[in-house]
N, C-alpha and C. Protein backbone atom coordinates (compact mmCIF):
# COMPACT_ATOMS: atom_id res chain seq x y z
N MET A 1 0.76 -1.34 -0.03
CA MET A 1 0.16 0.18 -0.13
C MET A 1 1.06 1.30 -0.15
N GLU A 2 0.62 2.19 -0.70
CA GLU A 2 1.19 3.35 -1.10
C GLU A 2 1.19 4.50 0.28
N LEU A 3 1.99 5.23 0.46
CA LEU A 3 2.04 6.11 1.58
C LEU A 3 0.74 7.16 1.65
N GLU A 4 0.74 7.75 0.32
CA GLU A 4 -0.23 8.68 0.08
C GLU A 4 -1.57 7.97 0.28
N LYS A 5 -1.66 6.79 0.05
CA LYS A 5 -3.15 6.01 0.22
C LYS A 5 -3.29 5.89 1.50
N ILE A 6 -2.53 5.67 2.25
CA ILE A 6 -2.58 5.52 3.75
C ILE A 6 -2.82 6.62 4.62
N ARG A 7 -2.24 7.91 3.87
CA ARG A 7 -2.38 9.14 4.36
C ARG A 7 -4.17 9.70 4.10
N ASN A 8 -4.47 9.16 3.16
CA ASN A 8 -5.70 9.64 2.88
C ASN A 8 -6.99 8.88 3.57
N LEU A 9 -6.62 8.00 4.31
CA LEU A 9 -7.63 6.98 4.89
C LEU A 9 -7.97 7.81 6.34
N SER A 10 -9.04 7.85 6.67
CA SER A 10 -9.64 8.03 7.95
C SER A 10 -9.11 7.24 9.09
N ASP A 11 -9.16 7.71 10.26
CA ASP A 11 -8.71 6.72 11.58
C ASP A 11 -9.20 5.61 11.71
N THR A 12 -10.51 5.59 11.33
CA THR A 12 -11.35 4.06 11.63
C THR A 12 -10.95 3.19 10.31
N GLU A 13 -10.67 3.93 9.12
CA GLU A 13 -10.39 3.15 8.14
C GLU A 13 -8.66 2.58 8.37
N LEU A 14 -8.20 3.58 8.95
CA LEU A 14 -6.82 2.94 9.29
C LEU A 14 -6.82 1.55 10.13
N ASN A 15 -7.72 1.53 11.16
CA ASN A 15 -7.57 0.71 12.26
C ASN A 15 -8.15 -0.68 11.56
N VAL A 16 -9.04 -0.59 10.32
CA VAL A 16 -9.61 -1.44 9.84
C VAL A 16 -8.44 -2.22 9.00
N GLU A 17 -7.86 -1.57 8.20
CA GLU A 17 -6.53 -1.93 7.32
C GLU A 17 -5.69 -2.51 8.25
N GLU A 18 -5.41 -2.07 9.24
CA GLU A 18 -4.15 -2.62 10.09
C GLU A 18 -4.68 -3.82 10.59
N HIS A 19 -5.95 -4.03 11.07
CA HIS A 19 -6.66 -5.31 11.40
C HIS A 19 -6.36 -6.26 10.08
N LYS A 20 -6.80 -5.96 9.02
CA LYS A 20 -6.87 -7.02 7.86
C LYS A 20 -5.28 -7.32 7.50
N ALA A 21 -4.45 -6.16 7.29
CA ALA A 21 -3.06 -6.68 7.39
C ALA A 21 -2.48 -7.65 8.47
N ALA A 22 -2.86 -7.32 9.70
CA ALA A 22 -2.35 -8.23 10.65
C ALA A 22 -2.90 -9.63 10.51
N GLU A 23 -4.20 -9.57 10.08
CA GLU A 23 -4.73 -11.24 9.92
C GLU A 23 -4.12 -11.74 8.60
N GLN A 24 -3.72 -11.02 7.55
CA GLN A 24 -3.25 -11.69 6.60
C GLN A 24 -1.63 -12.35 6.91
N LEU A 25 -1.28 -11.37 7.72
CA LEU A 25 0.21 -11.83 8.03
C LEU A 25 0.10 -12.94 9.03
N PHE A 26 -0.72 -13.12 9.69
CA PHE A 26 -0.73 -14.08 10.44
C PHE A 26 -1.12 -15.40 9.61
N ARG A 27 -2.06 -15.30 8.84
CA ARG A 27 -2.34 -16.66 7.87
C ARG A 27 -1.17 -16.78 7.27
N LEU A 28 -0.69 -15.95 6.63
CA LEU A 28 0.71 -16.19 5.77
C LEU A 28 1.89 -16.89 6.58
N ARG A 29 1.97 -16.41 7.75
CA ARG A 29 2.84 -17.19 8.74
C ARG A 29 2.48 -18.65 8.98
N PHE A 30 1.30 -18.97 9.26
CA PHE A 30 0.66 -20.12 9.40
C PHE A 30 0.98 -20.99 8.36
N GLN A 31 0.66 -20.62 7.08
CA GLN A 31 0.99 -21.28 6.09
C GLN A 31 2.26 -21.43 5.73
N MET A 32 3.25 -20.88 6.16
CA MET A 32 4.50 -20.96 5.65
C MET A 32 5.02 -22.06 6.72
N LYS A 33 4.76 -21.83 8.02
CA LYS A 33 4.91 -23.21 8.82
C LYS A 33 4.52 -24.42 8.49
N LEU A 34 3.48 -24.53 7.69
CA LEU A 34 2.89 -25.63 7.08
C LEU A 34 3.50 -26.19 6.09
N GLY A 35 4.27 -25.10 5.41
CA GLY A 35 5.09 -25.53 4.34
C GLY A 35 4.07 -25.41 2.97
N GLN A 36 2.84 -24.63 3.25
CA GLN A 36 2.03 -24.38 1.82
C GLN A 36 2.37 -23.40 1.07
N SER A 37 3.10 -22.28 1.70
CA SER A 37 3.45 -21.56 0.93
C SER A 37 4.91 -20.64 1.25
N GLU A 38 5.35 -20.13 0.00
CA GLU A 38 6.70 -19.37 0.06
C GLU A 38 6.61 -18.07 -0.11
N GLY A 39 5.79 -17.43 0.53
CA GLY A 39 5.41 -15.95 0.16
C GLY A 39 6.18 -14.97 1.26
N VAL A 40 7.69 -15.19 0.89
CA VAL A 40 8.45 -14.32 1.75
C VAL A 40 8.39 -12.83 1.62
N LYS A 41 8.12 -12.62 0.13
CA LYS A 41 8.23 -11.10 -0.45
C LYS A 41 6.88 -10.51 -0.01
N LYS A 42 5.62 -11.51 -0.12
CA LYS A 42 4.50 -10.71 0.40
C LYS A 42 4.69 -10.85 1.98
N LEU A 43 5.36 -11.68 2.74
CA LEU A 43 5.47 -11.45 4.33
C LEU A 43 6.08 -10.04 4.57
N ARG A 44 7.32 -10.06 3.73
CA ARG A 44 7.96 -8.72 4.22
C ARG A 44 7.01 -7.45 3.76
N GLY A 45 6.49 -7.31 2.64
CA GLY A 45 5.54 -6.32 2.21
C GLY A 45 4.33 -5.79 3.31
N LEU A 46 3.86 -7.08 3.94
CA LEU A 46 2.62 -6.93 4.96
C LEU A 46 3.30 -6.03 6.10
N LYS A 47 4.67 -6.73 6.34
CA LYS A 47 5.19 -6.12 7.62
C LYS A 47 5.33 -4.76 7.69
N LYS A 48 5.98 -4.27 6.30
CA LYS A 48 6.31 -2.80 5.81
C LYS A 48 4.75 -2.16 6.04
N ASP A 49 3.60 -2.74 5.60
CA ASP A 49 2.45 -1.83 5.21
C ASP A 49 2.11 -1.67 6.58
N ILE A 50 1.95 -2.78 7.61
CA ILE A 50 1.54 -2.47 9.15
C ILE A 50 2.40 -1.59 9.90
N ALA A 51 3.78 -1.41 9.73
CA ALA A 51 4.37 -0.21 10.00
C ALA A 51 3.98 1.03 9.79
N ARG A 52 4.04 0.96 8.02
CA ARG A 52 3.29 2.29 7.69
C ARG A 52 2.26 2.95 8.35
N ILE A 53 1.37 1.84 8.32
CA ILE A 53 -0.31 2.27 9.15
C ILE A 53 0.27 2.74 10.40
N LYS A 54 1.14 2.05 11.37
CA LYS A 54 0.91 2.47 12.63
C LYS A 54 1.76 3.76 12.73
N THR A 55 2.59 3.95 11.76
CA THR A 55 3.43 5.41 11.82
C THR A 55 2.55 6.50 11.52
N ILE A 56 1.70 6.15 10.37
CA ILE A 56 0.91 7.39 10.08
C ILE A 56 -0.24 7.65 11.43
N SER A 57 -0.80 6.26 12.03
CA SER A 57 -1.56 6.53 13.17
C SER A 57 -0.74 7.35 14.09
N ARG A 58 0.13 6.92 14.52
CA ARG A 58 1.00 7.78 15.80
C ARG A 58 1.27 9.24 15.19
N GLU A 59 1.52 9.49 13.99
CA GLU A 59 1.96 10.84 13.67
C GLU A 59 0.50 11.73 14.07
N ARG A 60 -0.65 11.38 13.48
CA ARG A 60 -1.97 11.73 13.69
C ARG A 60 -2.03 11.79 15.40
N GLU A 61 -1.99 11.09 16.09
CA GLU A 61 -1.95 11.02 17.60
C GLU A 61 -1.09 12.09 18.20
N LEU A 62 0.10 12.40 17.63
CA LEU A 62 1.12 13.35 18.18
C LEU A 62 0.61 14.54 17.04
N LYS A 63 0.08 14.49 16.11
CA LYS A 63 -0.57 15.69 15.19
C LYS A 63 0.78 16.39 14.94
N LEU A 64 1.74 15.54 14.35
CA LEU A 64 2.98 15.89 13.62
C LEU A 64 2.81 16.27 12.18
N HIS A 65 1.99 15.49 11.37
CA HIS A 65 2.08 15.85 9.88
C HIS A 65 0.81 16.65 9.56
N GLY A 66 0.98 17.69 8.85
CA GLY A 66 0.13 18.89 8.45
C GLY A 66 0.04 19.89 9.24
N GLU A 67 0.53 19.80 10.79
CA GLU A 67 0.64 20.85 11.49
C GLU A 67 1.71 21.20 12.15
N ALA A 68 2.09 22.39 12.67
CA ALA A 68 3.13 22.68 13.32
C ALA A 68 3.29 21.87 14.57
N PRO A 69 4.52 21.28 15.24
CA PRO A 69 4.69 20.70 16.31
C PRO A 69 4.28 21.60 17.36
N LYS A 70 4.21 21.27 18.74
CA LYS A 70 3.93 22.19 19.72
C LYS A 70 5.07 23.07 19.90
N ALA A 71 5.14 24.13 20.19
CA ALA A 71 6.26 24.95 20.68
C ALA A 71 6.84 24.84 22.11
N GLU A 72 7.62 23.78 22.23
CA GLU A 72 8.44 23.50 23.33
C GLU A 72 9.22 24.21 23.88
N SER A 73 9.56 24.93 22.73
CA SER A 73 11.08 25.72 23.10
C SER A 73 10.58 27.05 23.37
N ALA A 74 9.21 27.37 23.38
CA ALA A 74 8.81 28.59 23.87
C ALA A 74 8.83 28.77 25.09
N ALA A 75 8.68 27.87 26.15
CA ALA A 75 8.54 27.93 27.54
C ALA A 75 10.06 28.40 28.01
N PRO A 76 11.04 27.87 27.63
CA PRO A 76 12.54 28.30 28.15
C PRO A 76 12.66 29.77 27.75
N VAL A 77 12.03 30.20 26.45
CA VAL A 77 12.43 31.60 26.14
C VAL A 77 11.73 32.47 26.97
N LYS A 78 10.64 32.16 27.43
CA LYS A 78 9.60 33.09 28.35
C LYS A 78 10.40 32.87 29.57
N ALA A 79 10.93 31.84 30.14
CA ALA A 79 11.40 32.04 31.55
C ALA A 79 12.85 32.81 31.47
N ALA A 80 13.30 32.99 30.25
CA ALA A 80 14.60 33.69 30.04
C ALA A 80 14.06 35.34 30.09
N LYS A 81 12.88 35.68 29.46
CA LYS A 81 12.60 36.83 29.35
C LYS A 81 12.34 37.32 30.77
N ALA A 82 11.64 36.34 31.65
CA ALA A 82 11.44 37.02 32.86
C ALA A 82 12.44 37.04 33.84
N LYS A 83 13.43 36.17 33.57
CA LYS A 83 14.85 36.51 34.08
C LYS A 83 15.38 37.75 33.74
N LYS A 84 15.18 38.13 32.59
CA LYS A 84 15.74 39.60 32.03
C LYS A 84 14.96 40.69 32.87
N THR A 85 13.58 40.55 33.04
CA THR A 85 12.79 41.65 33.59
C THR A 85 13.12 41.62 35.09
N LYS A 86 13.46 40.52 35.73
CA LYS A 86 13.80 40.53 37.14
C LYS A 86 15.38 41.31 37.41
N LYS A 87 16.15 40.86 36.40
CA LYS A 87 17.32 41.90 36.39
C LYS A 87 17.22 43.48 36.14
N GLU A 88 16.19 43.45 35.25
CA GLU A 88 16.03 45.04 35.12
C GLU A 88 15.39 45.89 36.05
N ALA A 89 14.47 45.15 36.94
CA ALA A 89 13.85 45.67 37.97
C ALA A 89 14.80 45.91 39.13
N ARG A 90 15.91 45.22 39.13
CA ARG A 90 16.93 45.47 40.26
C ARG A 90 17.58 46.46 40.26
């Protein structure tokens, strides 16, 4: 599955796709253990798809993609300004 296609899915669709891919991965591993299939390439692809889906869902959870990250560096700047004003007041 392509990255842009994954990014265009909603959160519920992402969960459904992740569940489907995990189930396919389980079935493929089971078949390989029984010696019925030699789908090593498909196995790797499914693992990567699951990782991509989880990465996108985590990005959305942290609101990293499409939005500016939280300004954590702003807090120390405010503290530094507060220190300057205290020094100026002396």
